[in-house]
Amino acid sequence: MASCNFADVIHRTESTECHIIGEIEGLAPGFHGFHIHQLGDLTDGCTSVGPHFNPGNRHHAGPMDNLRHVGDLGNIEANRDGVARFHIKSRRVKILGQHSVVGRSFVVTEDADDLGKGQGPQRQESLRTGNAGAPLACGVIGRAARA
């Protein structure tokens, strides 16, 4: 099981961007999907977090696509030591307001996210989850006091 260490999540009102900065260890080298899910329920581990956070009822897509789930953050890449370090900037992810991600969860998947571009028999699953595979790691998004 992968272990997670998030350095910080910063909401910048002047640029309306949310910065998600973190490090995840114990992954297979390569790309892994990274998503925000609807629920922060870890009762059954990563299987009880619900679907991708999607308040706009959109199809799954890549982080640069205009029409997508709020929770579609694309892929993170683990190096040959199995460590993924990332800094994701998103104008869609909010920590305040009606569509806040606080209390929801993040999930790292075993496979790369196809960003909703899958074809053939995998097309429908691509539009739902990006064919990113089973969850490897997850955690609840919460507020913490600054040290």
C-alpha atoms as a PDB file:
ATOM      1  CA  MET A   1       0.000   0.000   0.000  1.00  0.00           C
ATOM      2  CA  ALA A   2       1.274   3.440  -0.864  1.00  0.00           C
ATOM      3  CA  SER A   3       1.844   6.069   1.795  1.00  0.00           C
ATOM      4  CA  CYS A   4       0.965   9.702   1.271  1.00  0.00           C
ATOM      5  CA  ASN A   5       2.514  12.922   2.450  1.00  0.00           C
ATOM      6  CA  PHE A   6       0.840  16.133   1.340  1.00  0.00           C
ATOM      7  CA  ALA A   7       3.061  19.128   1.896  1.00  0.00           C
ATOM      8  CA  ASP A   8       0.300  21.670   1.549  1.00  0.00           C
ATOM      9  CA  VAL A   9      -2.908  22.593  -0.164  1.00  0.00           C
ATOM     10  CA  ILE A  10      -3.085  26.309  -0.768  1.00  0.00           C
ATOM     11  CA  HIS A  11      -6.090  28.257  -1.972  1.00  0.00           C
ATOM     12  CA  ARG A  12      -5.130  31.533  -3.579  1.00  0.00           C
ATOM     13  CA  THR A  13      -8.043  33.902  -3.908  1.00  0.00           C
ATOM     14  CA  GLU A  14      -6.135  36.420  -6.008  1.00  0.00           C
ATOM     15  CA  SER A  15      -5.594  33.868  -8.780  1.00  0.00           C
ATOM     16  CA  THR A  16      -8.548  31.610  -7.928  1.00  0.00           C
ATOM     17  CA  GLU A  17      -6.230  28.601  -8.208  1.00  0.00           C
ATOM     18  CA  CYS A  18      -5.985  25.760  -5.755  1.00  0.00           C
ATOM     19  CA  HIS A  19      -2.456  24.360  -5.483  1.00  0.00           C
ATOM     20  CA  ILE A  20      -2.239  20.680  -4.529  1.00  0.00           C
ATOM     21  CA  ILE A  21       1.309  19.789  -3.522  1.00  0.00           C
ATOM     22  CA  GLY A  22       2.283  16.342  -2.348  1.00  0.00           C
ATOM     23  CA  GLU A  23       4.455  13.258  -2.329  1.00  0.00           C
ATOM     24  CA  ILE A  24       3.298   9.651  -2.487  1.00  0.00           C
ATOM     25  CA  GLU A  25       5.656   6.728  -1.879  1.00  0.00           C
ATOM     26  CA  GLY A  26       5.311   3.013  -2.594  1.00  0.00           C
ATOM     27  CA  LEU A  27       3.911   3.258  -6.120  1.00  0.00           C
ATOM     28  CA  ALA A  28       5.000   1.274  -9.159  1.00  0.00           C
ATOM     29  CA  PRO A  29       7.115   3.476 -11.428  1.00  0.00           C
ATOM     30  CA  GLY A  30       5.051   5.225 -14.110  1.00  0.00           C
ATOM     31  CA  PHE A  31       1.799   7.128 -14.351  1.00  0.00           C
ATOM     32  CA  HIS A  32      -1.142   6.792 -11.962  1.00  0.00           C
ATOM     33  CA  GLY A  33      -4.544   8.466 -12.056  1.00  0.00           C
ATOM     34  CA  PHE A  34      -5.206  11.091  -9.381  1.00  0.00           C
ATOM     35  CA  HIS A  35      -8.803  12.070  -8.636  1.00  0.00           C
ATOM     36  CA  ILE A  36     -11.037  13.727  -6.069  1.00  0.00           C
ATOM     37  CA  HIS A  37     -13.992  11.511  -5.122  1.00  0.00           C
ATOM     38  CA  GLN A  38     -17.455  12.415  -3.878  1.00  0.00           C
ATOM     39  CA  LEU A  39     -17.216  11.059  -0.331  1.00  0.00           C
ATOM     40  CA  GLY A  40     -14.686  11.176   2.474  1.00  0.00           C
ATOM     41  CA  ASP A  41     -15.870   7.771   3.733  1.00  0.00           C
ATOM     42  CA  LEU A  42     -12.980   5.355   4.309  1.00  0.00           C
ATOM     43  CA  THR A  43     -15.127   2.777   6.132  1.00  0.00           C
ATOM     44  CA  ASP A  44     -14.170   0.158   3.530  1.00  0.00           C
ATOM     45  CA  GLY A  45     -10.870   1.725   2.566  1.00  0.00           C
ATOM     46  CA  CYS A  46     -10.721   3.265  -0.881  1.00  0.00           C
ATOM     47  CA  THR A  47     -13.826   1.399  -2.077  1.00  0.00           C
ATOM     48  CA  SER A  48     -16.320   3.506  -0.099  1.00  0.00           C
ATOM     49  CA  VAL A  49     -15.346   6.950  -1.436  1.00  0.00           C
ATOM     50  CA  GLY A  50     -18.007   7.016  -4.146  1.00  0.00           C
ATOM     51  CA  PRO A  51     -17.558   8.202  -7.737  1.00  0.00           C
ATOM     52  CA  HIS A  52     -15.388  11.071  -8.948  1.00  0.00           C
ATOM     53  CA  PHE A  53     -16.545  14.445  -7.600  1.00  0.00           C
ATOM     54  CA  ASN A  54     -18.761  15.684 -10.418  1.00  0.00           C
ATOM     55  CA  PRO A  55     -21.204  18.429  -9.371  1.00  0.00           C
ATOM     56  CA  GLY A  56     -21.668  19.509 -13.017  1.00  0.00           C
ATOM     57  CA  ASN A  57     -22.689  16.000 -14.161  1.00  0.00           C
ATOM     58  CA  ARG A  58     -20.012  15.944 -16.894  1.00  0.00           C
ATOM     59  CA  HIS A  59     -18.099  13.117 -18.571  1.00  0.00           C
ATOM     60  CA  HIS A  60     -14.625  12.199 -17.369  1.00  0.00           C
ATOM     61  CA  ALA A  61     -11.847  14.087 -19.169  1.00  0.00           C
ATOM     62  CA  GLY A  62      -8.373  15.506 -18.676  1.00  0.00           C
ATOM     63  CA  PRO A  63      -7.463  18.376 -16.349  1.00  0.00           C
ATOM     64  CA  MET A  64      -7.062  20.787 -19.277  1.00  0.00           C
ATOM     65  CA  ASP A  65     -10.413  19.936 -20.872  1.00  0.00           C
ATOM     66  CA  ASN A  66     -13.144  22.523 -20.412  1.00  0.00           C
ATOM     67  CA  LEU A  67     -15.981  20.027 -19.809  1.00  0.00           C
ATOM     68  CA  ARG A  68     -14.963  17.525 -17.128  1.00  0.00           C
ATOM     69  CA  HIS A  69     -15.491  16.336 -13.565  1.00  0.00           C
ATOM     70  CA  VAL A  70     -14.159  18.714 -10.921  1.00  0.00           C
ATOM     71  CA  GLY A  71     -12.309  15.683  -9.536  1.00  0.00           C
ATOM     72  CA  ASP A  72     -10.397  14.961 -12.761  1.00  0.00           C
ATOM     73  CA  LEU A  73      -6.817  15.863 -11.872  1.00  0.00           C
ATOM     74  CA  GLY A  74      -5.085  13.721 -14.501  1.00  0.00           C
ATOM     75  CA  ASN A  75      -1.994  11.662 -13.738  1.00  0.00           C
ATOM     76  CA  ILE A  76       0.913  11.810 -11.364  1.00  0.00           C
ATOM     77  CA  GLU A  77       4.209  10.105 -12.239  1.00  0.00           C
ATOM     78  CA  ALA A  78       6.164   7.885  -9.856  1.00  0.00           C
ATOM     79  CA  ASN A  79       9.913   7.774 -10.422  1.00  0.00           C
ATOM     80  CA  ARG A  80      11.982   4.571 -10.511  1.00  0.00           C
ATOM     81  CA  ASP A  81      11.995   4.565  -6.687  1.00  0.00           C
ATOM     82  CA  GLY A  82       8.183   4.571  -6.622  1.00  0.00           C
ATOM     83  CA  VAL A  83       7.882   8.170  -5.415  1.00  0.00           C
ATOM     84  CA  ALA A  84       5.533  10.664  -7.061  1.00  0.00           C
ATOM     85  CA  ARG A  85       6.085  14.338  -6.259  1.00  0.00           C
ATOM     86  CA  PHE A  86       3.549  16.713  -7.701  1.00  0.00           C
ATOM     87  CA  HIS A  87       2.236  20.251  -7.770  1.00  0.00           C
ATOM     88  CA  ILE A  88      -1.178  20.454  -9.416  1.00  0.00           C
ATOM     89  CA  LYS A  89      -2.864  23.792 -10.073  1.00  0.00           C
ATOM     90  CA  SER A  90      -6.615  23.859 -10.615  1.00  0.00           C
ATOM     91  CA  ARG A  91      -9.149  26.631 -11.066  1.00  0.00           C
ATOM     92  CA  ARG A  92     -11.986  24.108 -10.608  1.00  0.00           C
ATOM     93  CA  VAL A  93     -10.998  22.693  -7.216  1.00  0.00           C
ATOM     94  CA  LYS A  94     -12.396  24.858  -4.413  1.00  0.00           C
ATOM     95  CA  ILE A  95     -11.900  24.639  -0.665  1.00  0.00           C
ATOM     96  CA  LEU A  96     -14.782  27.016   0.087  1.00  0.00           C
ATOM     97  CA  GLY A  97     -18.369  27.275  -1.086  1.00  0.00           C
ATOM     98  CA  GLN A  98     -21.037  24.948  -2.407  1.00  0.00           C
ATOM     99  CA  HIS A  99     -18.611  22.739  -4.371  1.00  0.00           C
ATOM    100  CA  SER A 100     -15.847  22.585  -1.764  1.00  0.00           C
ATOM    101  CA  VAL A 101     -13.645  19.482  -1.798  1.00  0.00           C
ATOM    102  CA  VAL A 102     -13.117  19.610   1.981  1.00  0.00           C
ATOM    103  CA  GLY A 103     -14.556  16.422   3.488  1.00  0.00           C
ATOM    104  CA  ARG A 104     -14.246  14.534   0.202  1.00  0.00           C
ATOM    105  CA  SER A 105     -11.352  12.228  -0.703  1.00  0.00           C
ATOM    106  CA  PHE A 106      -8.450  11.907  -3.102  1.00  0.00           C
ATOM    107  CA  VAL A 107      -7.626   8.584  -4.761  1.00  0.00           C
ATOM    108  CA  VAL A 108      -4.469   7.388  -6.521  1.00  0.00           C
ATOM    109  CA  THR A 109      -5.094   4.534  -8.978  1.00  0.00           C
ATOM    110  CA  GLU A 110      -2.972   1.618 -10.166  1.00  0.00           C
ATOM    111  CA  ASP A 111      -3.049   2.611 -13.839  1.00  0.00           C
ATOM    112  CA  ALA A 112      -2.671   5.785 -15.849  1.00  0.00           C
ATOM    113  CA  ASP A 113      -5.825   7.790 -16.509  1.00  0.00           C
ATOM    114  CA  ASP A 114      -6.690   7.860 -20.235  1.00  0.00           C
ATOM    115  CA  LEU A 115      -8.292  11.302 -19.683  1.00  0.00           C
ATOM    116  CA  GLY A 116     -11.610  10.221 -21.205  1.00  0.00           C
ATOM    117  CA  LYS A 117      -9.993   9.455 -24.558  1.00  0.00           C
ATOM    118  CA  GLY A 118     -10.427   5.642 -24.487  1.00  0.00           C
ATOM    119  CA  GLN A 119     -11.872   4.017 -27.599  1.00  0.00           C
ATOM    120  CA  GLY A 120     -13.666   0.818 -28.550  1.00  0.00           C
ATOM    121  CA  PRO A 121     -15.075  -1.388 -25.795  1.00  0.00           C
ATOM    122  CA  GLN A 122     -13.440   0.762 -23.095  1.00  0.00           C
ATOM    123  CA  ARG A 123     -15.114   3.991 -24.268  1.00  0.00           C
ATOM    124  CA  GLN A 124     -17.938   4.014 -21.697  1.00  0.00           C
ATOM    125  CA  GLU A 125     -15.613   3.317 -18.765  1.00  0.00           C
ATOM    126  CA  SER A 126     -13.231   5.964 -20.111  1.00  0.00           C
ATOM    127  CA  LEU A 127     -16.014   8.563 -19.954  1.00  0.00           C
ATOM    128  CA  ARG A 128     -16.767   7.531 -16.358  1.00  0.00           C
ATOM    129  CA  THR A 129     -13.367   6.832 -14.748  1.00  0.00           C
ATOM    130  CA  GLY A 130     -10.610   7.214 -17.338  1.00  0.00           C
ATOM    131  CA  ASN A 131      -9.914   3.445 -17.202  1.00  0.00           C
ATOM    132  CA  ALA A 132      -7.504   4.214 -14.368  1.00  0.00           C
ATOM    133  CA  GLY A 133      -7.872   0.881 -12.574  1.00  0.00           C
ATOM    134  CA  ALA A 134      -8.235   0.011  -8.920  1.00  0.00           C
ATOM    135  CA  PRO A 135      -7.420   2.453  -6.121  1.00  0.00           C
ATOM    136  CA  LEU A 136      -3.982   2.142  -4.515  1.00  0.00           C
ATOM    137  CA  ALA A 137      -4.133   4.941  -1.950  1.00  0.00           C
ATOM    138  CA  CYS A 138      -6.721   7.383  -0.677  1.00  0.00           C
ATOM    139  CA  GLY A 139      -7.277   9.933   2.031  1.00  0.00           C
ATOM    140  CA  VAL A 140      -9.826  12.417   3.279  1.00  0.00           C
ATOM    141  CA  ILE A 141      -9.352  16.065   2.357  1.00  0.00           C
ATOM    142  CA  GLY A 142      -9.569  18.087   5.558  1.00  0.00           C
ATOM    143  CA  ARG A 143      -8.518  21.300   7.203  1.00  0.00           C
ATOM    144  CA  ALA A 144      -5.493  21.436   9.459  1.00  0.00           C
ATOM    145  CA  ALA A 145      -4.099  24.119  11.706  1.00  0.00           C
ATOM    146  CA  ARG A 146      -0.905  25.654  10.393  1.00  0.00           C
ATOM    147  CA  ALA A 147       2.174  24.673  12.380  1.00  0.00           C
END
